[in-house]
Amino acid sequence: MKESIDRFYHQYFHDIYRFLLSLSKDHHTAEDLVQETFFRAHLNIEHYDGRTVKSWLFTVAYRTYIDYYRKHKRVIVTEQERFATIVDKKRHLLDDLVRKEQIEEILTLLDRLPDKHKYAVLLHDFHGLSQREAAEVMNIQQSHFKVLLFRGRSAIRRRKVEENE
């Protein structure tokens, strides 16, 4: 399985990077955390429990971010980068701008949520993990994850309606 880490790195790098970027809001931090994630995955491959590789790597990434956050939570971040979108060059510029504005709007709404709600929405809705996989990443029961996801989505809808009024 150790020889597969290199393959998984190439296969899941962008997913893990986007997830960590959405959490850290900093390109350089996200890059460092991705490297740390795959380093930890390589070192702890014997703890791989047979679930999907993607959800296992998201678990490692999530725990890597939590460790980073705990160490650096006293540092005041004065500048935040926006979520970087991958632009398909074949699409029209107007479509890309509208999509980017929608993503930034959702990310702005996500930033106002409690962390657990934000993580639930990011893992399930942005990164496509199943509820079971996302609950495993967050190390909570699936029923609790469903509540967090529901509350996170509801808060986003409510705030979106409030802004449009």
N, C-alpha and C. Protein backbone atom coordinates (compact mmCIF):
# COMPACT_ATOMS: atom_id res chain seq x y z
N MET A 1 0.82 -1.20 0.00
CA MET A 1 0.00 0.00 0.00
C MET A 1 0.86 1.27 0.00
N LYS A 2 2.09 1.18 0.55
CA LYS A 2 2.93 2.36 0.60
C LYS A 2 3.24 2.91 -0.79
N GLU A 3 3.39 2.03 -1.77
CA GLU A 3 3.65 2.52 -3.12
C GLU A 3 2.42 3.22 -3.70
N SER A 4 1.25 3.00 -3.11
CA SER A 4 0.03 3.62 -3.59
C SER A 4 -0.11 5.07 -3.12
N ILE A 5 0.59 5.45 -2.05
CA ILE A 5 0.48 6.82 -1.54
C ILE A 5 0.84 7.82 -2.63
N ASP A 6 1.87 7.50 -3.42
CA ASP A 6 2.25 8.39 -4.51
C ASP A 6 1.11 8.53 -5.51
N ARG A 7 0.47 7.42 -5.83
CA ARG A 7 -0.67 7.45 -6.76
C ARG A 7 -1.82 8.24 -6.15
N PHE A 8 -2.10 8.02 -4.87
CA PHE A 8 -3.18 8.74 -4.19
C PHE A 8 -2.88 10.23 -4.10
N TYR A 9 -1.61 10.56 -3.95
CA TYR A 9 -1.20 11.96 -3.90
C TYR A 9 -1.64 12.66 -5.19
N HIS A 10 -1.32 12.05 -6.32
CA HIS A 10 -1.68 12.65 -7.60
C HIS A 10 -3.19 12.63 -7.83
N GLN A 11 -3.85 11.62 -7.34
CA GLN A 11 -5.29 11.48 -7.56
C GLN A 11 -6.10 12.44 -6.69
N TYR A 12 -5.68 12.65 -5.44
CA TYR A 12 -6.49 13.41 -4.50
C TYR A 12 -5.87 14.74 -4.07
N PHE A 13 -4.74 15.10 -4.63
CA PHE A 13 -4.07 16.33 -4.23
C PHE A 13 -5.00 17.54 -4.29
N HIS A 14 -5.66 17.73 -5.44
CA HIS A 14 -6.49 18.93 -5.63
C HIS A 14 -7.69 18.93 -4.67
N ASP A 15 -8.30 17.78 -4.42
CA ASP A 15 -9.43 17.72 -3.48
C ASP A 15 -8.97 18.09 -2.07
N ILE A 16 -7.86 17.52 -1.64
CA ILE A 16 -7.35 17.80 -0.30
C ILE A 16 -6.91 19.26 -0.21
N TYR A 17 -6.26 19.75 -1.25
CA TYR A 17 -5.82 21.15 -1.27
C TYR A 17 -7.01 22.11 -1.14
N ARG A 18 -8.04 21.90 -1.95
CA ARG A 18 -9.21 22.79 -1.90
C ARG A 18 -9.88 22.73 -0.53
N PHE A 19 -9.96 21.55 0.05
CA PHE A 19 -10.55 21.41 1.38
C PHE A 19 -9.74 22.19 2.40
N LEU A 20 -8.43 22.02 2.38
CA LEU A 20 -7.59 22.71 3.36
C LEU A 20 -7.54 24.22 3.08
N LEU A 21 -7.61 24.62 1.83
CA LEU A 21 -7.66 26.04 1.50
C LEU A 21 -8.96 26.66 2.02
N SER A 22 -10.05 25.93 1.89
CA SER A 22 -11.33 26.46 2.37
C SER A 22 -11.33 26.58 3.89
N LEU A 23 -10.55 25.77 4.57
CA LEU A 23 -10.46 25.87 6.03
C LEU A 23 -9.46 26.93 6.46
N SER A 24 -8.30 26.96 5.84
CA SER A 24 -7.23 27.85 6.29
C SER A 24 -7.30 29.25 5.69
N LYS A 25 -7.92 29.38 4.53
CA LYS A 25 -8.05 30.65 3.81
C LYS A 25 -6.69 31.23 3.40
N ASP A 26 -5.68 30.39 3.30
CA ASP A 26 -4.35 30.85 2.94
C ASP A 26 -3.70 29.81 2.03
N HIS A 27 -3.29 30.24 0.86
CA HIS A 27 -2.70 29.35 -0.15
C HIS A 27 -1.47 28.62 0.40
N HIS A 28 -0.56 29.36 1.01
CA HIS A 28 0.69 28.76 1.49
C HIS A 28 0.45 27.79 2.64
N THR A 29 -0.45 28.15 3.52
CA THR A 29 -0.79 27.25 4.62
C THR A 29 -1.42 25.98 4.09
N ALA A 30 -2.32 26.12 3.13
CA ALA A 30 -2.98 24.95 2.54
C ALA A 30 -1.95 24.04 1.88
N GLU A 31 -1.00 24.62 1.17
CA GLU A 31 0.05 23.79 0.54
C GLU A 31 0.85 23.04 1.60
N ASP A 32 1.23 23.74 2.67
CA ASP A 32 1.98 23.08 3.75
C ASP A 32 1.16 21.97 4.39
N LEU A 33 -0.12 22.23 4.60
CA LEU A 33 -0.98 21.23 5.23
C LEU A 33 -1.21 20.02 4.32
N VAL A 34 -1.26 20.24 3.02
CA VAL A 34 -1.39 19.11 2.09
C VAL A 34 -0.16 18.22 2.19
N GLN A 35 1.01 18.84 2.20
CA GLN A 35 2.23 18.06 2.33
C GLN A 35 2.26 17.30 3.65
N GLU A 36 1.87 17.97 4.72
CA GLU A 36 1.82 17.32 6.04
C GLU A 36 0.80 16.18 6.04
N THR A 37 -0.33 16.38 5.37
CA THR A 37 -1.36 15.34 5.28
C THR A 37 -0.81 14.08 4.63
N PHE A 38 -0.18 14.23 3.48
CA PHE A 38 0.33 13.05 2.78
C PHE A 38 1.54 12.45 3.49
N PHE A 39 2.31 13.27 4.17
CA PHE A 39 3.40 12.74 4.97
C PHE A 39 2.85 11.88 6.10
N ARG A 40 1.82 12.39 6.78
CA ARG A 40 1.19 11.61 7.86
C ARG A 40 0.54 10.35 7.32
N ALA A 41 -0.07 10.46 6.16
CA ALA A 41 -0.70 9.27 5.56
C ALA A 41 0.36 8.21 5.27
N HIS A 42 1.48 8.64 4.76
CA HIS A 42 2.58 7.71 4.47
C HIS A 42 3.09 7.05 5.75
N LEU A 43 3.26 7.84 6.79
CA LEU A 43 3.78 7.31 8.06
C LEU A 43 2.78 6.39 8.76
N ASN A 44 1.50 6.66 8.56
CA ASN A 44 0.47 5.92 9.29
C ASN A 44 -0.37 5.01 8.42
N ILE A 45 0.20 4.57 7.32
CA ILE A 45 -0.54 3.73 6.39
C ILE A 45 -1.03 2.45 7.06
N GLU A 46 -0.32 1.98 8.08
CA GLU A 46 -0.76 0.75 8.76
C GLU A 46 -2.06 0.97 9.53
N HIS A 47 -2.44 2.23 9.76
CA HIS A 47 -3.70 2.53 10.45
C HIS A 47 -4.87 2.68 9.49
N TYR A 48 -4.59 2.55 8.19
CA TYR A 48 -5.67 2.62 7.19
C TYR A 48 -6.66 1.51 7.51
N ASP A 49 -7.93 1.88 7.67
CA ASP A 49 -8.93 0.94 8.18
C ASP A 49 -9.83 0.33 7.11
N GLY A 50 -9.49 0.47 5.86
CA GLY A 50 -10.25 -0.20 4.81
C GLY A 50 -11.39 0.61 4.21
N ARG A 51 -11.70 1.76 4.78
CA ARG A 51 -12.76 2.59 4.16
C ARG A 51 -12.21 3.20 2.88
N THR A 52 -12.98 4.01 2.21
CA THR A 52 -12.49 4.58 0.96
C THR A 52 -11.26 5.43 1.23
N VAL A 53 -10.35 5.41 0.31
CA VAL A 53 -9.10 6.15 0.46
C VAL A 53 -9.38 7.64 0.58
N LYS A 54 -10.34 8.12 -0.21
CA LYS A 54 -10.65 9.55 -0.19
C LYS A 54 -11.10 9.98 1.20
N SER A 55 -12.00 9.24 1.81
CA SER A 55 -12.48 9.65 3.14
C SER A 55 -11.38 9.51 4.18
N TRP A 56 -10.51 8.50 4.03
CA TRP A 56 -9.40 8.35 4.97
C TRP A 56 -8.44 9.54 4.84
N LEU A 57 -8.14 9.96 3.61
CA LEU A 57 -7.26 11.10 3.42
C LEU A 57 -7.89 12.39 3.92
N PHE A 58 -9.21 12.55 3.74
CA PHE A 58 -9.88 13.72 4.28
C PHE A 58 -9.83 13.71 5.81
N THR A 59 -9.90 12.54 6.40
CA THR A 59 -9.77 12.43 7.86
C THR A 59 -8.38 12.88 8.29
N VAL A 60 -7.37 12.41 7.61
CA VAL A 60 -6.00 12.80 7.93
C VAL A 60 -5.84 14.31 7.73
N ALA A 61 -6.39 14.85 6.63
CA ALA A 61 -6.30 16.29 6.36
C ALA A 61 -7.02 17.10 7.43
N TYR A 62 -8.21 16.66 7.81
CA TYR A 62 -8.98 17.36 8.83
C TYR A 62 -8.21 17.40 10.15
N ARG A 63 -7.65 16.27 10.53
CA ARG A 63 -6.90 16.21 11.79
C ARG A 63 -5.61 17.03 11.70
N THR A 64 -5.00 17.05 10.54
CA THR A 64 -3.82 17.88 10.33
C THR A 64 -4.18 19.35 10.50
N TYR A 65 -5.31 19.75 9.92
CA TYR A 65 -5.75 21.14 10.05
C TYR A 65 -6.07 21.47 11.52
N ILE A 66 -6.76 20.58 12.20
CA ILE A 66 -7.10 20.83 13.61
C ILE A 66 -5.83 21.00 14.43
N ASP A 67 -4.83 20.15 14.20
CA ASP A 67 -3.56 20.29 14.91
C ASP A 67 -2.91 21.64 14.60
N TYR A 68 -2.91 22.02 13.33
CA TYR A 68 -2.35 23.31 12.93
C TYR A 68 -3.12 24.45 13.60
N TYR A 69 -4.45 24.37 13.55
CA TYR A 69 -5.29 25.43 14.11
C TYR A 69 -5.04 25.59 15.61
N ARG A 70 -4.94 24.49 16.32
CA ARG A 70 -4.69 24.56 17.76
C ARG A 70 -3.34 25.23 18.06
N LYS A 71 -2.35 24.94 17.24
CA LYS A 71 -1.03 25.52 17.45
C LYS A 71 -0.99 27.00 17.09
N HIS A 72 -1.80 27.39 16.11
CA HIS A 72 -1.73 28.76 15.59
C HIS A 72 -2.96 29.61 15.87
N LYS A 73 -3.85 29.18 16.72
CA LYS A 73 -5.09 29.93 16.90
C LYS A 73 -4.88 31.28 17.55
N ARG A 74 -3.74 31.49 18.16
CA ARG A 74 -3.48 32.79 18.78
C ARG A 74 -2.91 33.80 17.81
N VAL A 75 -2.53 33.32 16.63
CA VAL A 75 -2.01 34.22 15.60
C VAL A 75 -3.19 34.91 14.94
N ILE A 76 -3.11 36.21 14.82
CA ILE A 76 -4.20 36.97 14.19
C ILE A 76 -3.95 37.03 12.69
N VAL A 77 -4.90 36.56 11.96
CA VAL A 77 -4.80 36.59 10.51
C VAL A 77 -5.40 37.90 10.03
N THR A 78 -4.59 38.69 9.33
CA THR A 78 -5.07 39.99 8.89
C THR A 78 -5.50 39.99 7.43
N GLU A 79 -5.06 38.99 6.71
CA GLU A 79 -5.41 38.95 5.29
C GLU A 79 -5.86 37.54 4.95
N GLN A 80 -7.01 37.43 4.26
CA GLN A 80 -7.52 36.12 3.87
C GLN A 80 -7.66 36.08 2.36
N GLU A 81 -7.16 35.00 1.80
CA GLU A 81 -7.35 34.80 0.37
C GLU A 81 -8.72 34.17 0.14
N ARG A 82 -9.29 34.51 -0.96
CA ARG A 82 -10.57 33.92 -1.35
C ARG A 82 -10.36 32.52 -1.88
N PHE A 83 -11.41 31.76 -1.79
CA PHE A 83 -11.37 30.39 -2.31
C PHE A 83 -11.03 30.45 -3.79
N ALA A 84 -9.97 29.75 -4.16
CA ALA A 84 -9.52 29.76 -5.55
C ALA A 84 -10.36 28.77 -6.36
N THR A 85 -10.95 29.26 -7.43
CA THR A 85 -11.74 28.38 -8.29
C THR A 85 -10.90 27.91 -9.47
N ILE A 86 -11.19 26.71 -9.89
CA ILE A 86 -10.52 26.18 -11.07
C ILE A 86 -11.40 26.53 -12.26
N VAL A 87 -10.84 27.33 -13.13
CA VAL A 87 -11.62 27.86 -14.25
C VAL A 87 -11.40 27.00 -15.48
N ASP A 88 -12.49 26.52 -16.02
CA ASP A 88 -12.43 25.80 -17.28
C ASP A 88 -12.32 26.84 -18.39
N LYS A 89 -11.20 26.84 -19.09
CA LYS A 89 -10.93 27.89 -20.06
C LYS A 89 -11.87 27.88 -21.26
N LYS A 90 -12.62 26.80 -21.43
CA LYS A 90 -13.53 26.72 -22.56
C LYS A 90 -14.83 27.47 -22.29
N ARG A 91 -15.09 27.76 -21.03
CA ARG A 91 -16.34 28.43 -20.69
C ARG A 91 -16.20 29.92 -20.90
N HIS A 92 -17.31 30.58 -21.02
CA HIS A 92 -17.32 32.01 -21.23
C HIS A 92 -16.92 32.73 -19.95
N LEU A 93 -16.30 33.86 -20.10
CA LEU A 93 -15.83 34.65 -18.96
C LEU A 93 -17.01 35.06 -18.06
N LEU A 94 -18.12 35.39 -18.64
CA LEU A 94 -19.28 35.79 -17.84
C LEU A 94 -19.77 34.66 -16.94
N ASP A 95 -19.83 33.45 -17.48
CA ASP A 95 -20.23 32.30 -16.68
C ASP A 95 -19.27 32.08 -15.51
N ASP A 96 -17.99 32.24 -15.78
CA ASP A 96 -16.99 32.06 -14.73
C ASP A 96 -17.14 33.13 -13.64
N LEU A 97 -17.39 34.35 -14.04
CA LEU A 97 -17.55 35.42 -13.06
C LEU A 97 -18.78 35.20 -12.18
N VAL A 98 -19.88 34.78 -12.79
CA VAL A 98 -21.09 34.50 -12.03
C VAL A 98 -20.85 33.36 -11.06
N ARG A 99 -20.23 32.32 -11.52
CA ARG A 99 -19.94 31.16 -10.67
C ARG A 99 -19.03 31.56 -9.51
N LYS A 100 -18.00 32.34 -9.81
CA LYS A 100 -17.07 32.80 -8.77
C LYS A 100 -17.78 33.65 -7.72
N GLU A 101 -18.66 34.52 -8.18
CA GLU A 101 -19.42 35.34 -7.23
C GLU A 101 -20.31 34.48 -6.35
N GLN A 102 -20.93 33.47 -6.93
CA GLN A 102 -21.78 32.57 -6.15
C GLN A 102 -20.97 31.80 -5.12
N ILE A 103 -19.80 31.30 -5.51
CA ILE A 103 -18.94 30.57 -4.58
C ILE A 103 -18.47 31.48 -3.47
N GLU A 104 -18.05 32.70 -3.82
CA GLU A 104 -17.60 33.64 -2.80
C GLU A 104 -18.73 34.01 -1.84
N GLU A 105 -19.94 34.14 -2.39
CA GLU A 105 -21.09 34.44 -1.54
C GLU A 105 -21.34 33.30 -0.56
N ILE A 106 -21.30 32.08 -1.05
CA ILE A 106 -21.51 30.92 -0.17
C ILE A 106 -20.39 30.81 0.85
N LEU A 107 -19.15 31.03 0.42
CA LEU A 107 -18.02 30.96 1.35
C LEU A 107 -18.10 32.06 2.41
N THR A 108 -18.58 33.23 2.02
CA THR A 108 -18.78 34.30 2.99
C THR A 108 -19.84 33.88 4.01
N LEU A 109 -20.91 33.27 3.52
CA LEU A 109 -21.95 32.79 4.43
C LEU A 109 -21.39 31.66 5.31
N LEU A 110 -20.57 30.79 4.74
CA LEU A 110 -19.97 29.70 5.51
C LEU A 110 -19.09 30.23 6.63
N ASP A 111 -18.36 31.32 6.36
CA ASP A 111 -17.46 31.88 7.37
C ASP A 111 -18.20 32.34 8.61
N ARG A 112 -19.47 32.64 8.47
CA ARG A 112 -20.27 33.11 9.61
C ARG A 112 -20.84 31.97 10.45
N LEU A 113 -20.69 30.74 9.95
CA LEU A 113 -21.23 29.58 10.67
C LEU A 113 -20.26 29.11 11.75
N PRO A 114 -20.80 28.43 12.75
CA PRO A 114 -19.90 27.76 13.70
C PRO A 114 -19.06 26.74 12.94
N ASP A 115 -17.84 26.49 13.42
CA ASP A 115 -16.90 25.63 12.71
C ASP A 115 -17.49 24.27 12.36
N LYS A 116 -18.15 23.61 13.28
CA LYS A 116 -18.68 22.26 13.02
C LYS A 116 -19.69 22.28 11.88
N HIS A 117 -20.54 23.30 11.81
CA HIS A 117 -21.51 23.41 10.72
C HIS A 117 -20.79 23.65 9.40
N LYS A 118 -19.78 24.53 9.44
CA LYS A 118 -19.01 24.83 8.24
C LYS A 118 -18.30 23.58 7.72
N TYR A 119 -17.67 22.82 8.61
CA TYR A 119 -16.96 21.61 8.19
C TYR A 119 -17.94 20.60 7.57
N ALA A 120 -19.11 20.47 8.17
CA ALA A 120 -20.10 19.52 7.65
C ALA A 120 -20.51 19.88 6.23
N VAL A 121 -20.82 21.15 6.00
CA VAL A 121 -21.23 21.60 4.66
C VAL A 121 -20.08 21.45 3.67
N LEU A 122 -18.88 21.83 4.06
CA LEU A 122 -17.73 21.72 3.16
C LEU A 122 -17.46 20.27 2.76
N LEU A 123 -17.42 19.38 3.75
CA LEU A 123 -17.10 17.99 3.46
C LEU A 123 -18.16 17.32 2.58
N HIS A 124 -19.42 17.56 2.89
CA HIS A 124 -20.49 16.87 2.16
C HIS A 124 -20.84 17.57 0.85
N ASP A 125 -21.12 18.86 0.91
CA ASP A 125 -21.64 19.56 -0.27
C ASP A 125 -20.54 20.02 -1.23
N PHE A 126 -19.39 20.42 -0.72
CA PHE A 126 -18.32 20.92 -1.60
C PHE A 126 -17.40 19.80 -2.07
N HIS A 127 -17.14 18.84 -1.18
CA HIS A 127 -16.14 17.82 -1.51
C HIS A 127 -16.74 16.44 -1.77
N GLY A 128 -18.04 16.32 -1.70
CA GLY A 128 -18.72 15.12 -2.16
C GLY A 128 -18.57 13.88 -1.29
N LEU A 129 -18.18 14.03 -0.05
CA LEU A 129 -18.12 12.86 0.83
C LEU A 129 -19.54 12.49 1.26
N SER A 130 -19.77 11.22 1.43
CA SER A 130 -21.08 10.79 1.92
C SER A 130 -21.22 11.24 3.37
N GLN A 131 -22.45 11.18 3.88
CA GLN A 131 -22.66 11.57 5.27
C GLN A 131 -21.86 10.67 6.20
N ARG A 132 -21.81 9.40 5.91
CA ARG A 132 -21.06 8.47 6.74
C ARG A 132 -19.58 8.81 6.72
N GLU A 133 -19.04 9.04 5.52
CA GLU A 133 -17.62 9.36 5.40
C GLU A 133 -17.28 10.68 6.09
N ALA A 134 -18.12 11.68 5.89
CA ALA A 134 -17.86 12.98 6.51
C ALA A 134 -17.95 12.89 8.03
N ALA A 135 -18.88 12.10 8.54
CA ALA A 135 -18.99 11.91 9.99
C ALA A 135 -17.73 11.23 10.52
N GLU A 136 -17.20 10.29 9.77
CA GLU A 136 -15.95 9.64 10.18
C GLU A 136 -14.80 10.63 10.19
N VAL A 137 -14.74 11.50 9.18
CA VAL A 137 -13.69 12.51 9.12
C VAL A 137 -13.76 13.41 10.36
N MET A 138 -14.96 13.80 10.74
CA MET A 138 -15.14 14.69 11.88
C MET A 138 -15.13 13.94 13.21
N ASN A 139 -15.08 12.61 13.14
CA ASN A 139 -15.05 11.77 14.33
C ASN A 139 -16.30 11.96 15.20
N ILE A 140 -17.45 11.96 14.54
CA ILE A 140 -18.74 12.09 15.24
C ILE A 140 -19.69 11.03 14.69
N GLN A 141 -20.80 10.85 15.39
CA GLN A 141 -21.82 9.91 14.94
C GLN A 141 -22.50 10.47 13.68
N GLN A 142 -22.96 9.57 12.81
CA GLN A 142 -23.62 10.02 11.58
C GLN A 142 -24.88 10.81 11.90
N SER A 143 -25.61 10.43 12.92
CA SER A 143 -26.83 11.17 13.28
C SER A 143 -26.49 12.60 13.70
N HIS A 144 -25.39 12.77 14.42
CA HIS A 144 -24.96 14.12 14.81
C HIS A 144 -24.51 14.91 13.58
N PHE A 145 -23.84 14.23 12.65
CA PHE A 145 -23.42 14.88 11.42
C PHE A 145 -24.64 15.40 10.65
N LYS A 146 -25.69 14.60 10.57
CA LYS A 146 -26.90 15.01 9.85
C LYS A 146 -27.47 16.29 10.45
N VAL A 147 -27.45 16.38 11.77
CA VAL A 147 -27.96 17.58 12.45
C VAL A 147 -27.08 18.78 12.09
N LEU A 148 -25.77 18.61 12.14
CA LEU A 148 -24.85 19.71 11.81
C LEU A 148 -25.04 20.16 10.37
N LEU A 149 -25.18 19.21 9.46
CA LEU A 149 -25.36 19.53 8.05
C LEU A 149 -26.68 20.28 7.84
N PHE A 150 -27.74 19.80 8.47
CA PHE A 150 -29.05 20.45 8.35
C PHE A 150 -28.98 21.88 8.88
N ARG A 151 -28.38 22.05 10.05
CA ARG A 151 -28.30 23.39 10.66
C ARG A 151 -27.42 24.32 9.83
N GLY A 152 -26.33 23.80 9.30
CA GLY A 152 -25.46 24.61 8.46
C GLY A 152 -26.16 25.07 7.20
N ARG A 153 -26.83 24.15 6.52
CA ARG A 153 -27.58 24.50 5.30
C ARG A 153 -28.70 25.49 5.62
N SER A 154 -29.41 25.25 6.71
CA SER A 154 -30.51 26.13 7.10
C SER A 154 -30.01 27.54 7.38
N ALA A 155 -28.89 27.65 8.08
CA ALA A 155 -28.34 28.97 8.39
C ALA A 155 -27.92 29.70 7.11
N ILE A 156 -27.35 28.96 6.16
CA ILE A 156 -26.96 29.58 4.89
C ILE A 156 -28.19 30.09 4.15
N ARG A 157 -29.23 29.25 4.08
CA ARG A 157 -30.47 29.68 3.40
C ARG A 157 -31.07 30.90 4.08
N ARG A 158 -31.13 30.86 5.40
CA ARG A 158 -31.73 31.96 6.17
C ARG A 158 -30.96 33.26 5.94
N ARG A 159 -29.66 33.20 5.98
CA ARG A 159 -28.85 34.40 5.79
C ARG A 159 -28.93 34.91 4.36
N LYS A 160 -29.06 33.99 3.42
CA LYS A 160 -29.19 34.38 2.02
C LYS A 160 -30.52 35.12 1.81
N VAL A 161 -31.57 34.64 2.42
CA VAL A 161 -32.88 35.29 2.33
C VAL A 161 -32.81 36.67 2.99
N GLU A 162 -32.15 36.76 4.14
CA GLU A 162 -32.03 38.03 4.85
C GLU A 162 -31.27 39.06 4.01
N GLU A 163 -30.24 38.62 3.31
CA GLU A 163 -29.46 39.53 2.49
C GLU A 163 -30.25 40.00 1.27
N ASN A 164 -31.14 39.17 0.76
CA ASN A 164 -31.92 39.53 -0.42
C ASN A 164 -33.11 40.42 -0.10
N GLU A 165 -33.44 40.52 1.16
CA GLU A 165 -34.59 41.34 1.54
C GLU A 165 -34.24 42.81 1.60
